[in-house]
Amino acid sequence: MPLTVGTAGHIDHGKTTLVEALTGKNTDRLPQERERGISIDLGYAPLELADGTQLSVVDVPGHERFVRTMVAGASGIDLFLLVIDANEGARPQTHEHLAILRLLGIDRGVVALTKIDAVDEETLELARVEAEELLPGLAVVAVSARTGTGLDELRAALAAVAVERGRSHAPTRLYVDRVFTLRGIGTVATGTLWSGSIGEGEELRAEPSGRTVRVRSVQVHDRPVSRAVAGQRVALALPGVERHELRRGDALVAAGAYATSYRLDVALEALTEIPSRVHVHHGTADIVARAVRVGDRHAQLRLAEPVVAARGDRVILRAGTTVGGGTVIDPSPPRHASAERMLLVESGEIAATVHEPVREESLAHLGELTGIERAGGWVFSSAWLDELRAELDARLANADPVDPGIAPPADAWAAAVVPLLGLERRGAKLYRPGSTAELGARAEAAAALEVALGLEPVKVDDAALARFLEEQGRLVRVGDGFAISAAAYEQARAALMAELEAEGRIALARFRDLLGVGRKTAQLLLERFDADGLTRRVGDERVLRRRGTLSA
């Protein structure tokens, strides 16, 4: 059960010394850290407890100038080790670090009162009482890194609170906190594995760049492993990646599992007035953002750079000091910040935020969708489907009786959704099941038109009526808005076929003379025969298409 513990506490209260006493490793790796005697960057060490629990220790700097580094180290930890100098007691960074831990939702930990070899019993007791008031219910252990007093008790206290957070079932996600190169290995990225697992040879996505990277090898605290799991401190060798192509704050994630976003909808927890311009700390990233308040409890964070987040993640908001934090309720929200939508999403009523069709995968980041309609990868509300059905019913009721169909919606969702409505698709239109065309009030006009039709084309202004009569075999449309009688069409067709059978081809003038009509009429008829697939034009003449026959 691998877990990560992060230190916290004021500068010079002995965090790094205590970690070395517990693990045997000095986490101050930078020359300037050892020269100055203070931690500047994050340090790491493995710690195995008596019960076999494996802890990865993240040692954070305590100086107020490095709080953002502390936040990067605290993100993703399972429990904390708050270090307080028994002589000095809680100091400003003690309180700020503790506030950050609370905002991150990390409530399990142990308090270590350090340097007890340098204080008397009365001072130690005062420090203990202060610590117990500061963190009621948590174990407070007095230790001396110099003499070793209390170290076993501290290990036992850590073992008692080392309970897994149950996050390993989510897709793989690791936030990079260090990038460096090693001779013979290349670029190495390290971080705490928030969820999932990573094995040799696997491919991940580096976000927000979107680049695919391959994992050559995996190490956990300098030891090669075939697979790392959530909660472990991980180092990944990434061939083909230059050092400058990754940085602290980037995420290595399973492909397709997480979206990048310039916006986060959050439920706020304010420590003081939150200004409109803040630094958002998420994962190991520190990003400038504009905080747009939405009601009393929510805000949309509009980020200067994209992040990879998930519902339920915690963020820290800083503006010179820590001003608050928040819980991500939507890691990829729409641009318009809606108080109503935020309340629904926060309460888990995701389906209530959906009305018109949206792609189901666009809501995957919000969790499971229930109580919603689905079709072909689209999700929508049953109320919207009823509205669509009513709209199409109204259009069908007003459709032309001679062609009682309507054009289907042109939206991308139409092919998936329209079949749910129980309508018939005939060609390019939708019809009520079993509906047929009828003349209705046009019967008199149709009769008059049929009387007027012959071999000479007649202009028909009612295109729907012309289509209806043609489908019934009562006229033939030619040209643009003209018609002839069906008998005249057959007469012209018979004359054409006889000539083509005898001569093999026919010119416009010859066809005109055969019918005794004008050039325009002959032209319209030949174009209709071409359109029917009976003839084709070769130069100024027509010939039968190869598949044409006398009975065609």
Protein backbone atom coordinates (compact mmCIF):
# COMPACT_ATOMS: atom_id res chain seq x y z
CA MET A 1 0.00 0.00 0.00
CA PRO A 2 2.24 2.85 -1.23
CA LEU A 3 1.44 6.26 0.24
CA THR A 4 3.01 9.70 0.15
CA VAL A 5 3.59 11.84 3.23
CA GLY A 6 4.46 15.50 2.93
CA THR A 7 6.24 17.59 5.52
CA ALA A 8 4.93 20.99 6.56
CA GLY A 9 6.09 23.67 8.96
CA HIS A 10 7.99 26.89 9.48
CA ILE A 11 11.53 27.45 8.21
CA ASP A 12 14.30 26.07 10.43
CA HIS A 13 11.98 23.92 12.53
CA GLY A 14 13.94 20.83 11.53
CA LYS A 15 11.90 19.20 8.77
CA THR A 16 14.83 18.08 6.64
CA THR A 17 16.87 16.93 9.65
CA LEU A 18 13.92 14.91 10.90
CA VAL A 19 13.38 13.30 7.49
CA GLU A 20 17.06 12.31 7.39
CA ALA A 21 16.78 10.81 10.88
CA LEU A 22 13.73 8.79 9.80
CA THR A 23 14.97 7.68 6.37
CA GLY A 24 18.73 8.00 6.43
CA LYS A 25 18.59 10.33 3.40
CA ASN A 26 19.40 14.04 3.29
CA THR A 27 16.76 15.51 0.97
CA ASP A 28 18.69 18.79 0.45
CA ARG A 29 20.23 17.87 -2.92
CA LEU A 30 21.15 21.34 -4.19
CA PRO A 31 24.60 22.77 -3.29
CA GLN A 32 23.07 26.11 -2.25
CA GLU A 33 20.68 24.30 0.10
CA ARG A 34 23.55 22.62 1.91
CA GLU A 35 25.60 25.82 1.97
CA ARG A 36 22.77 27.94 3.39
CA GLY A 37 21.26 25.24 5.57
CA ILE A 38 17.71 25.81 4.30
CA SER A 39 15.54 23.93 1.84
CA ILE A 40 14.79 25.72 -1.41
CA ASP A 41 13.25 22.99 -3.56
CA LEU A 42 11.35 19.78 -2.96
CA GLY A 43 13.23 16.79 -1.58
CA TYR A 44 12.30 13.12 -1.58
CA ALA A 45 13.08 10.02 0.46
CA PRO A 46 11.61 6.53 1.00
CA LEU A 47 10.40 5.44 4.41
CA GLU A 48 9.42 1.88 5.31
CA LEU A 49 7.41 1.51 8.50
CA ALA A 50 7.51 -1.41 10.89
CA ASP A 51 4.28 -2.90 9.51
CA GLY A 52 5.68 -2.91 5.98
CA THR A 53 3.87 0.22 4.83
CA GLN A 54 5.90 2.01 2.17
CA LEU A 55 5.86 5.79 2.43
CA SER A 56 7.30 8.27 -0.03
CA VAL A 57 8.34 11.38 1.87
CA VAL A 58 8.12 14.77 0.17
CA ASP A 59 10.13 17.35 2.11
CA VAL A 60 9.00 20.91 1.41
CA PRO A 61 10.76 24.23 2.06
CA GLY A 62 9.48 26.27 5.00
CA HIS A 63 10.43 29.80 3.95
CA GLU A 64 7.53 32.08 3.03
CA ARG A 65 9.21 32.85 -0.32
CA PHE A 66 8.85 29.19 -1.29
CA VAL A 67 5.21 28.58 -0.39
CA ARG A 68 4.33 27.88 -4.01
CA THR A 69 6.99 25.15 -3.97
CA MET A 70 5.43 23.81 -0.79
CA VAL A 71 2.02 23.67 -2.49
CA ALA A 72 3.51 21.78 -5.44
CA GLY A 73 4.93 19.23 -3.01
CA ALA A 74 1.76 18.96 -0.93
CA SER A 75 -0.50 18.31 -3.93
CA GLY A 76 -1.14 14.61 -4.23
CA ILE A 77 0.07 13.57 -0.79
CA ASP A 78 -1.96 11.20 1.38
CA LEU A 79 -0.98 12.47 4.84
CA PHE A 80 1.19 15.13 6.42
CA LEU A 81 3.96 15.41 8.98
CA LEU A 82 3.66 18.85 10.58
CA VAL A 83 6.97 19.81 12.17
CA ILE A 84 6.99 22.34 15.03
CA ASP A 85 10.10 23.45 16.93
CA ALA A 86 9.30 22.71 20.57
CA ASN A 87 11.09 25.89 21.64
CA GLU A 88 9.50 28.28 19.14
CA GLY A 89 6.03 26.78 18.83
CA ALA A 90 3.74 27.45 15.87
CA ARG A 91 4.98 30.25 13.62
CA PRO A 92 3.49 32.06 10.56
CA GLN A 93 4.42 29.38 8.03
CA THR A 94 3.15 26.70 10.39
CA HIS A 95 -0.28 28.28 10.15
CA GLU A 96 -0.13 28.92 6.40
CA HIS A 97 1.09 25.40 5.64
CA LEU A 98 -1.66 23.99 7.83
CA ALA A 99 -4.27 26.14 6.06
CA ILE A 100 -3.01 24.86 2.71
CA LEU A 101 -3.25 21.26 3.88
CA ARG A 102 -6.82 21.82 5.03
CA LEU A 103 -7.75 23.46 1.72
CA LEU A 104 -6.26 20.47 -0.11
CA GLY A 105 -8.50 18.19 1.93
CA ILE A 106 -5.57 16.44 3.63
CA ASP A 107 -6.80 15.88 7.18
CA ARG A 108 -4.75 12.88 8.25
CA GLY A 109 -1.34 13.46 9.73
CA VAL A 110 0.97 13.58 12.70
CA VAL A 111 2.56 16.49 14.56
CA ALA A 112 6.24 16.19 15.42
CA LEU A 113 7.61 18.46 18.16
CA THR A 114 11.30 18.68 17.28
CA LYS A 115 14.52 19.63 19.03
CA ILE A 116 13.22 18.42 22.40
CA ASP A 117 16.78 17.80 23.53
CA ALA A 118 17.19 21.60 23.66
CA VAL A 119 14.14 22.45 25.83
CA ASP A 120 13.02 21.78 29.38
CA GLU A 121 9.92 19.79 30.34
CA GLU A 122 7.78 22.87 30.95
CA THR A 123 8.53 24.33 27.52
CA LEU A 124 7.86 20.97 25.87
CA GLU A 125 4.51 20.68 27.64
CA LEU A 126 3.49 24.16 26.50
CA ALA A 127 4.40 23.23 22.94
CA ARG A 128 2.39 20.01 23.22
CA VAL A 129 -0.70 21.81 24.49
CA GLU A 130 -0.44 24.38 21.68
CA ALA A 131 -0.12 21.63 19.06
CA GLU A 132 -3.09 19.72 20.45
CA GLU A 133 -5.21 22.88 20.36
CA LEU A 134 -4.03 23.59 16.82
CA LEU A 135 -4.83 20.07 15.59
CA PRO A 136 -7.25 18.41 18.01
CA GLY A 137 -7.43 14.65 17.72
CA LEU A 138 -4.09 14.21 15.95
CA ALA A 139 -1.13 12.44 17.48
CA VAL A 140 1.58 14.77 18.80
CA VAL A 141 4.99 13.10 19.13
CA ALA A 142 8.03 14.68 20.79
CA VAL A 143 11.25 13.80 18.95
CA SER A 144 14.91 14.64 18.75
CA ALA A 145 16.58 14.02 15.43
CA ARG A 146 19.96 14.47 17.12
CA THR A 147 19.49 11.83 19.83
CA GLY A 148 16.89 9.63 18.17
CA THR A 149 14.40 10.07 21.01
CA GLY A 150 10.81 9.52 19.87
CA LEU A 151 11.62 8.36 16.32
CA ASP A 152 10.09 4.91 16.83
CA GLU A 153 6.99 6.51 18.34
CA LEU A 154 6.79 8.84 15.35
CA ARG A 155 7.01 5.92 12.92
CA ALA A 156 4.24 4.15 14.82
CA ALA A 157 2.06 7.27 14.74
CA LEU A 158 2.57 7.57 10.97
CA ALA A 159 1.65 3.90 10.53
CA ALA A 160 -1.58 4.49 12.46
CA VAL A 161 -2.78 7.16 10.02
CA ALA A 162 -1.34 5.62 6.84
CA VAL A 163 -4.66 4.67 5.24
CA GLU A 164 -5.01 4.52 1.47
CA ARG A 165 -7.25 7.15 -0.15
CA GLY A 166 -8.66 4.77 -2.76
CA ARG A 167 -7.77 6.75 -5.87
CA SER A 168 -5.90 4.12 -7.88
CA HIS A 169 -8.94 3.12 -9.99
CA ALA A 170 -8.96 6.43 -11.89
CA PRO A 171 -7.00 6.69 -15.16
CA THR A 172 -3.28 7.35 -14.91
CA ARG A 173 -2.33 10.87 -13.88
CA LEU A 174 1.05 12.19 -12.72
CA TYR A 175 2.00 15.84 -12.27
CA VAL A 176 5.63 16.57 -13.03
CA ASP A 177 7.64 18.26 -10.29
CA ARG A 178 11.19 17.73 -11.62
CA VAL A 179 12.73 17.31 -15.06
CA PHE A 180 16.42 16.54 -15.56
CA THR A 181 18.79 14.57 -17.78
CA LEU A 182 21.08 11.67 -16.95
CA ARG A 183 23.95 10.50 -19.09
CA GLY A 184 23.04 7.31 -20.91
CA ILE A 185 19.36 7.62 -19.95
CA GLY A 186 18.21 10.98 -21.28
CA THR A 187 15.33 13.01 -19.95
CA VAL A 188 13.79 11.93 -16.66
CA ALA A 189 10.53 13.30 -15.23
CA THR A 190 9.50 12.74 -11.63
CA GLY A 191 6.30 13.21 -9.67
CA THR A 192 3.80 11.60 -7.35
CA LEU A 193 1.50 9.22 -9.19
CA TRP A 194 -1.97 10.52 -8.34
CA SER A 195 -3.93 7.66 -9.88
CA GLY A 196 -3.63 4.64 -12.14
CA SER A 197 -0.32 2.93 -12.83
CA ILE A 198 2.63 3.28 -15.20
CA GLY A 199 4.66 0.44 -16.70
CA GLU A 200 7.69 0.08 -18.94
CA GLY A 201 7.02 0.59 -22.64
CA GLU A 202 3.68 2.31 -22.15
CA GLU A 203 2.66 5.51 -23.89
CA LEU A 204 1.33 8.57 -22.10
CA ARG A 205 0.18 12.01 -23.16
CA ALA A 206 2.17 15.01 -21.98
CA GLU A 207 -0.30 17.80 -21.33
CA PRO A 208 -0.97 20.56 -22.10
CA SER A 209 1.30 20.12 -25.13
CA GLY A 210 -0.62 17.02 -26.28
CA ARG A 211 2.59 15.17 -27.15
CA THR A 212 2.73 11.37 -26.93
CA VAL A 213 5.68 10.09 -24.88
CA ARG A 214 6.96 6.56 -24.36
CA VAL A 215 8.14 5.31 -20.99
CA ARG A 216 11.43 3.47 -21.35
CA SER A 217 11.88 2.63 -17.68
CA VAL A 218 10.29 3.28 -14.29
CA GLN A 219 11.95 3.83 -10.93
CA VAL A 220 10.54 4.28 -7.44
CA HIS A 221 13.08 5.93 -5.12
CA ASP A 222 16.05 5.00 -7.34
CA ARG A 223 14.96 1.36 -7.67
CA PRO A 224 13.82 -0.05 -11.04
CA VAL A 225 10.29 -1.44 -11.09
CA SER A 226 8.23 -2.93 -13.90
CA ARG A 227 5.16 -0.97 -12.80
CA ALA A 228 4.51 1.95 -10.45
CA VAL A 229 1.15 2.41 -8.77
CA ALA A 230 -0.79 5.33 -7.32
CA GLY A 231 0.71 6.90 -4.23
CA GLN A 232 4.34 6.25 -5.20
CA ARG A 233 7.08 8.72 -6.01
CA VAL A 234 7.96 7.87 -9.60
CA ALA A 235 10.82 8.65 -11.98
CA LEU A 236 10.20 8.00 -15.68
CA ALA A 237 12.82 7.80 -18.40
CA LEU A 238 11.33 9.38 -21.53
CA PRO A 239 13.39 8.77 -24.70
CA GLY A 240 13.09 11.30 -27.48
CA VAL A 241 11.96 14.07 -25.14
CA GLU A 242 14.21 17.07 -24.63
CA ARG A 243 14.53 18.49 -21.15
CA HIS A 244 13.04 21.84 -22.17
CA GLU A 245 9.93 20.12 -23.57
CA LEU A 246 8.64 19.27 -20.08
CA ARG A 247 8.44 21.39 -16.95
CA ARG A 248 7.03 21.42 -13.46
CA GLY A 249 3.25 21.63 -13.69
CA ASP A 250 2.90 19.48 -16.80
CA ALA A 251 0.81 16.32 -16.53
CA LEU A 252 1.55 12.83 -17.83
CA VAL A 253 -1.79 11.09 -18.32
CA ALA A 254 -3.45 8.14 -20.00
CA ALA A 255 -4.34 9.06 -23.58
CA GLY A 256 -7.91 10.31 -23.95
CA ALA A 257 -8.64 10.15 -20.24
CA TYR A 258 -8.45 13.84 -19.35
CA ALA A 259 -9.24 17.06 -21.20
CA THR A 260 -7.18 20.23 -21.01
CA SER A 261 -9.03 23.41 -20.15
CA TYR A 262 -8.49 27.12 -19.67
CA ARG A 263 -11.42 27.24 -17.22
CA LEU A 264 -12.31 25.58 -13.94
CA ASP A 265 -15.61 25.87 -12.10
CA VAL A 266 -14.93 25.60 -8.36
CA ALA A 267 -16.75 25.64 -5.06
CA LEU A 268 -14.84 28.21 -3.04
CA GLU A 269 -13.45 28.10 0.46
CA ALA A 270 -12.24 31.59 1.27
CA LEU A 271 -9.78 32.44 4.04
CA THR A 272 -9.98 36.14 3.28
CA GLU A 273 -11.21 38.40 0.47
CA ILE A 274 -10.35 36.73 -2.85
CA PRO A 275 -9.20 39.30 -5.45
CA SER A 276 -10.05 38.97 -9.12
CA ARG A 277 -6.42 38.21 -10.04
CA VAL A 278 -4.97 35.19 -8.27
CA HIS A 279 -2.37 32.48 -8.63
CA VAL A 280 -4.05 29.10 -8.98
CA HIS A 281 -2.06 26.16 -7.64
CA HIS A 282 -3.24 22.85 -9.02
CA GLY A 283 -1.19 19.69 -9.16
CA THR A 284 2.36 21.05 -9.38
CA ALA A 285 1.36 24.03 -11.54
CA ASP A 286 1.20 27.70 -10.55
CA ILE A 287 -0.92 29.62 -13.05
CA VAL A 288 -2.17 33.19 -13.11
CA ALA A 289 -5.94 33.39 -13.41
CA ARG A 290 -8.93 35.67 -13.19
CA ALA A 291 -11.42 34.59 -10.56
CA VAL A 292 -14.98 35.35 -11.68
CA ARG A 293 -17.27 35.07 -8.68
CA VAL A 294 -20.62 33.38 -9.29
CA GLY A 295 -22.81 33.88 -6.27
CA ASP A 296 -21.43 33.52 -2.75
CA ARG A 297 -19.88 30.07 -2.99
CA HIS A 298 -18.66 29.55 -6.52
CA ALA A 299 -16.25 30.97 -9.05
CA GLN A 300 -15.00 30.30 -12.53
CA LEU A 301 -11.22 30.42 -12.74
CA ARG A 302 -10.14 31.66 -16.16
CA LEU A 303 -6.56 30.55 -16.56
CA ALA A 304 -3.67 32.05 -18.49
CA GLU A 305 -2.50 28.51 -19.37
CA PRO A 306 -4.43 25.26 -19.77
CA VAL A 307 -4.50 22.61 -17.06
CA VAL A 308 -5.50 18.98 -16.74
CA ALA A 309 -7.94 18.58 -13.86
CA ALA A 310 -10.65 16.23 -12.68
CA ARG A 311 -13.85 16.69 -10.77
CA GLY A 312 -13.10 16.77 -7.04
CA ASP A 313 -9.54 18.08 -7.38
CA ARG A 314 -8.49 20.77 -4.92
CA VAL A 315 -6.91 24.10 -5.86
CA ILE A 316 -5.12 26.71 -3.77
CA LEU A 317 -5.62 30.42 -4.46
CA ARG A 318 -2.82 32.82 -3.56
CA ALA A 319 -2.33 36.56 -3.95
CA GLY A 320 0.83 37.33 -2.00
CA THR A 321 -0.48 34.98 0.67
CA THR A 322 -2.94 32.12 0.68
CA VAL A 323 -6.41 33.65 0.28
CA GLY A 324 -8.43 30.48 -0.13
CA GLY A 325 -8.97 27.36 -2.14
CA GLY A 326 -11.63 25.44 -3.91
CA THR A 327 -12.92 22.08 -5.06
CA VAL A 328 -13.21 21.56 -8.81
CA ILE A 329 -16.82 20.81 -9.70
CA ASP A 330 -16.32 21.05 -13.48
CA PRO A 331 -12.82 20.79 -14.97
CA SER A 332 -13.94 21.83 -18.44
CA PRO A 333 -16.97 24.11 -18.12
CA PRO A 334 -18.64 26.28 -20.76
CA ARG A 335 -17.43 29.86 -21.02
CA HIS A 336 -20.65 31.30 -19.63
CA ALA A 337 -20.53 30.94 -15.84
CA SER A 338 -23.98 29.93 -14.61
CA ALA A 339 -24.83 29.80 -10.91
CA GLU A 340 -27.72 27.42 -11.57
CA ARG A 341 -25.53 25.05 -13.56
CA MET A 342 -22.77 25.10 -10.92
CA LEU A 343 -25.24 24.17 -8.19
CA LEU A 344 -26.59 21.29 -10.26
CA VAL A 345 -23.13 19.99 -11.14
CA GLU A 346 -21.90 20.31 -7.57
CA SER A 347 -24.85 18.28 -6.28
CA GLY A 348 -24.19 15.59 -8.89
CA GLU A 349 -27.29 16.33 -10.96
CA ILE A 350 -25.31 16.25 -14.19
CA ALA A 351 -28.29 15.18 -16.27
CA ALA A 352 -30.16 18.30 -15.20
CA THR A 353 -27.56 20.45 -16.96
CA VAL A 354 -28.31 18.80 -20.32
CA HIS A 355 -31.20 19.83 -22.57
CA GLU A 356 -30.29 19.93 -26.26
CA PRO A 357 -28.03 17.15 -27.60
CA VAL A 358 -24.34 17.20 -26.68
CA ARG A 359 -21.70 14.54 -27.23
CA GLU A 360 -21.61 12.15 -24.31
CA GLU A 361 -17.82 12.21 -24.18
CA SER A 362 -17.90 15.97 -23.61
CA LEU A 363 -19.48 15.31 -20.19
CA ALA A 364 -17.39 12.28 -19.23
CA HIS A 365 -15.23 14.45 -16.94
CA LEU A 366 -18.26 15.13 -14.73
CA GLY A 367 -18.89 11.49 -13.83
CA GLU A 368 -21.61 8.97 -14.60
CA LEU A 369 -24.70 10.23 -16.42
CA THR A 370 -28.05 8.79 -15.36
CA GLY A 371 -31.67 9.70 -16.06
CA ILE A 372 -30.92 11.00 -19.54
CA GLU A 373 -31.71 10.02 -23.13
CA ARG A 374 -28.97 8.60 -25.37
CA ALA A 375 -28.60 7.94 -29.09
CA GLY A 376 -25.51 7.39 -31.20
CA GLY A 377 -23.13 8.99 -28.73
CA TRP A 378 -25.42 11.98 -28.10
CA VAL A 379 -27.17 12.72 -24.80
CA PHE A 380 -30.22 14.92 -24.33
CA SER A 381 -33.19 15.36 -22.05
CA SER A 382 -36.52 13.62 -22.57
CA ALA A 383 -38.15 17.07 -22.38
CA TRP A 384 -36.07 18.23 -25.35
CA LEU A 385 -37.02 15.09 -27.29
CA ASP A 386 -40.68 15.85 -26.61
CA GLU A 387 -40.14 19.41 -27.82
CA LEU A 388 -38.52 18.14 -31.03
CA ARG A 389 -41.36 15.69 -31.59
CA ALA A 390 -43.94 18.46 -31.11
CA GLU A 391 -42.05 20.77 -33.48
CA LEU A 392 -41.88 18.16 -36.25
CA ASP A 393 -45.53 17.18 -35.69
CA ALA A 394 -46.52 20.82 -36.18
CA ARG A 395 -44.49 21.05 -39.38
CA LEU A 396 -46.02 17.83 -40.69
CA ALA A 397 -49.52 19.09 -39.92
CA ASN A 398 -48.80 22.19 -42.01
CA ALA A 399 -47.09 20.30 -44.84
CA ASP A 400 -48.43 20.49 -48.38
CA PRO A 401 -51.07 17.72 -48.85
CA VAL A 402 -49.67 16.83 -52.27
CA ASP A 403 -46.30 16.19 -50.61
CA PRO A 404 -46.91 15.74 -46.86
CA GLY A 405 -43.22 15.33 -46.02
CA ILE A 406 -40.78 17.74 -44.37
CA ALA A 407 -37.04 18.15 -44.46
CA PRO A 408 -35.36 16.57 -41.41
CA PRO A 409 -33.25 18.67 -39.04
CA ALA A 410 -29.83 19.45 -40.49
CA ASP A 411 -28.00 19.27 -37.13
CA ALA A 412 -25.18 16.80 -36.52
CA TRP A 413 -27.33 14.82 -34.08
CA ALA A 414 -30.19 14.30 -36.56
CA ALA A 415 -29.09 10.91 -37.95
CA ALA A 416 -28.96 9.45 -34.43
CA VAL A 417 -31.99 11.14 -32.87
CA VAL A 418 -34.64 11.32 -35.62
CA PRO A 419 -35.17 7.52 -35.76
CA LEU A 420 -36.45 7.74 -32.17
CA LEU A 421 -39.46 9.78 -33.31
CA GLY A 422 -41.27 7.00 -35.21
CA LEU A 423 -41.38 8.86 -38.54
CA GLU A 424 -40.78 7.37 -41.98
CA ARG A 425 -37.81 8.42 -44.06
CA ARG A 426 -38.62 8.53 -47.78
CA GLY A 427 -35.77 9.89 -49.80
CA ALA A 428 -34.74 13.21 -48.34
CA LYS A 429 -37.92 13.82 -46.35
CA LEU A 430 -39.73 12.68 -43.23
CA TYR A 431 -43.36 11.50 -43.30
CA ARG A 432 -45.91 10.26 -40.84
CA PRO A 433 -46.21 6.49 -41.11
CA GLY A 434 -48.65 5.50 -43.86
CA SER A 435 -49.27 9.07 -45.01
CA THR A 436 -50.12 9.54 -48.69
CA ALA A 437 -50.29 12.50 -50.97
CA GLU A 438 -53.70 13.88 -51.90
CA LEU A 439 -54.93 16.78 -54.01
CA GLY A 440 -57.52 18.12 -51.64
CA ALA A 441 -58.45 21.66 -52.66
CA ARG A 442 -56.19 21.38 -55.71
CA ALA A 443 -58.36 18.77 -57.47
CA GLU A 444 -60.05 21.36 -59.72
CA ALA A 445 -56.74 22.98 -60.64
CA ALA A 446 -55.26 19.56 -61.44
CA ALA A 447 -58.15 18.71 -63.75
CA ALA A 448 -57.84 22.03 -65.57
CA LEU A 449 -54.09 21.52 -65.98
CA GLU A 450 -54.55 18.05 -67.44
CA VAL A 451 -57.01 19.42 -70.01
CA ALA A 452 -54.45 22.02 -71.07
CA LEU A 453 -51.57 19.59 -71.46
CA GLY A 454 -50.42 18.23 -74.80
CA LEU A 455 -47.16 18.01 -76.71
CA GLU A 456 -46.38 21.70 -76.34
CA PRO A 457 -44.96 22.38 -72.83
CA VAL A 458 -47.21 24.29 -70.44
CA LYS A 459 -45.84 26.43 -67.63
CA VAL A 460 -46.84 25.02 -64.20
CA ASP A 461 -46.29 27.44 -61.32
CA ASP A 462 -47.33 24.92 -58.64
CA ALA A 463 -44.24 22.72 -58.46
CA ALA A 464 -45.69 20.49 -55.71
CA LEU A 465 -48.79 19.82 -57.82
CA ALA A 466 -46.61 19.00 -60.83
CA ARG A 467 -44.58 16.48 -58.82
CA PHE A 468 -47.73 14.88 -57.46
CA LEU A 469 -49.33 14.47 -60.90
CA GLU A 470 -46.09 13.15 -62.38
CA GLU A 471 -45.80 10.52 -59.62
CA GLN A 472 -49.32 9.39 -60.58
CA GLY A 473 -48.39 9.21 -64.27
CA ARG A 474 -50.69 12.05 -65.25
CA LEU A 475 -48.03 14.39 -66.69
CA VAL A 476 -44.29 14.59 -67.38
CA ARG A 477 -42.20 17.53 -66.26
CA VAL A 478 -39.73 19.02 -68.70
CA GLY A 479 -37.34 21.93 -68.40
CA ASP A 480 -37.67 24.35 -65.51
CA GLY A 481 -41.33 24.44 -64.46
CA PHE A 482 -42.93 23.10 -67.65
CA ALA A 483 -44.97 19.95 -68.31
CA ILE A 484 -46.49 17.90 -71.12
CA SER A 485 -49.11 15.19 -71.06
CA ALA A 486 -48.02 11.61 -70.42
CA ALA A 487 -49.48 10.59 -73.80
CA ALA A 488 -47.45 13.26 -75.58
CA TYR A 489 -44.30 12.06 -73.83
CA GLU A 490 -44.90 8.50 -75.06
CA GLN A 491 -45.62 9.81 -78.59
CA ALA A 492 -42.34 11.72 -78.64
CA ARG A 493 -40.44 8.79 -77.15
CA ALA A 494 -41.82 6.38 -79.79
CA ALA A 495 -40.79 8.73 -82.63
CA LEU A 496 -37.32 9.10 -81.13
CA MET A 497 -36.77 5.36 -80.70
CA ALA A 498 -37.96 4.58 -84.24
CA GLU A 499 -35.50 7.07 -85.72
CA LEU A 500 -32.61 5.85 -83.56
CA GLU A 501 -33.37 2.23 -84.49
CA ALA A 502 -33.24 3.14 -88.14
CA GLU A 503 -30.40 5.69 -88.22
CA GLY A 504 -28.48 5.18 -84.99
CA ARG A 505 -28.43 8.89 -84.18
CA ILE A 506 -30.65 11.95 -84.38
CA ALA A 507 -30.07 15.70 -84.51
CA LEU A 508 -32.23 18.35 -82.84
CA ALA A 509 -33.55 19.64 -86.18
CA ARG A 510 -34.54 16.14 -87.31
CA PHE A 511 -36.39 15.47 -84.06
CA ARG A 512 -38.17 18.83 -84.33
CA ASP A 513 -39.36 17.99 -87.83
CA LEU A 514 -40.50 14.49 -86.84
CA LEU A 515 -42.74 15.94 -84.14
CA GLY A 516 -43.77 19.09 -85.97
CA VAL A 517 -42.90 21.29 -82.99
CA GLY A 518 -40.68 24.25 -82.39
CA ARG A 519 -36.95 24.08 -81.61
CA LYS A 520 -37.44 24.95 -77.90
CA THR A 521 -39.97 22.17 -77.38
CA ALA A 522 -37.73 19.64 -79.14
CA GLN A 523 -34.80 20.76 -76.99
CA LEU A 524 -36.79 20.34 -73.74
CA LEU A 525 -37.91 16.85 -74.75
CA LEU A 526 -34.40 15.69 -75.71
CA GLU A 527 -33.00 16.97 -72.42
CA ARG A 528 -35.69 14.99 -70.56
CA PHE A 529 -34.75 11.84 -72.49
CA ASP A 530 -31.12 12.46 -71.58
CA ALA A 531 -32.11 12.86 -67.92
CA ASP A 532 -34.16 9.63 -68.06
CA GLY A 533 -31.04 7.78 -69.25
CA LEU A 534 -32.55 6.90 -72.60
CA THR A 535 -30.14 8.93 -74.75
CA ARG A 536 -26.88 10.75 -74.47
CA ARG A 537 -25.52 13.68 -76.40
CA VAL A 538 -22.57 13.22 -78.77
CA GLY A 539 -21.66 16.55 -80.32
CA ASP A 540 -24.86 17.97 -81.82
CA GLU A 541 -26.62 14.61 -81.99
CA ARG A 542 -28.20 12.06 -79.64
CA VAL A 543 -27.53 8.35 -79.55
CA LEU A 544 -29.03 5.58 -77.46
CA ARG A 545 -27.22 4.79 -74.25
CA ARG A 546 -25.75 1.31 -74.40
CA ARG A 547 -28.21 -0.02 -71.88
CA GLY A 548 -31.16 1.52 -73.78
CA THR A 549 -33.60 -0.80 -75.61
CA LEU A 550 -36.81 -0.28 -77.54
CA SER A 551 -38.77 -1.19 -74.45
CA ALA A 552 -36.70 0.91 -72.04
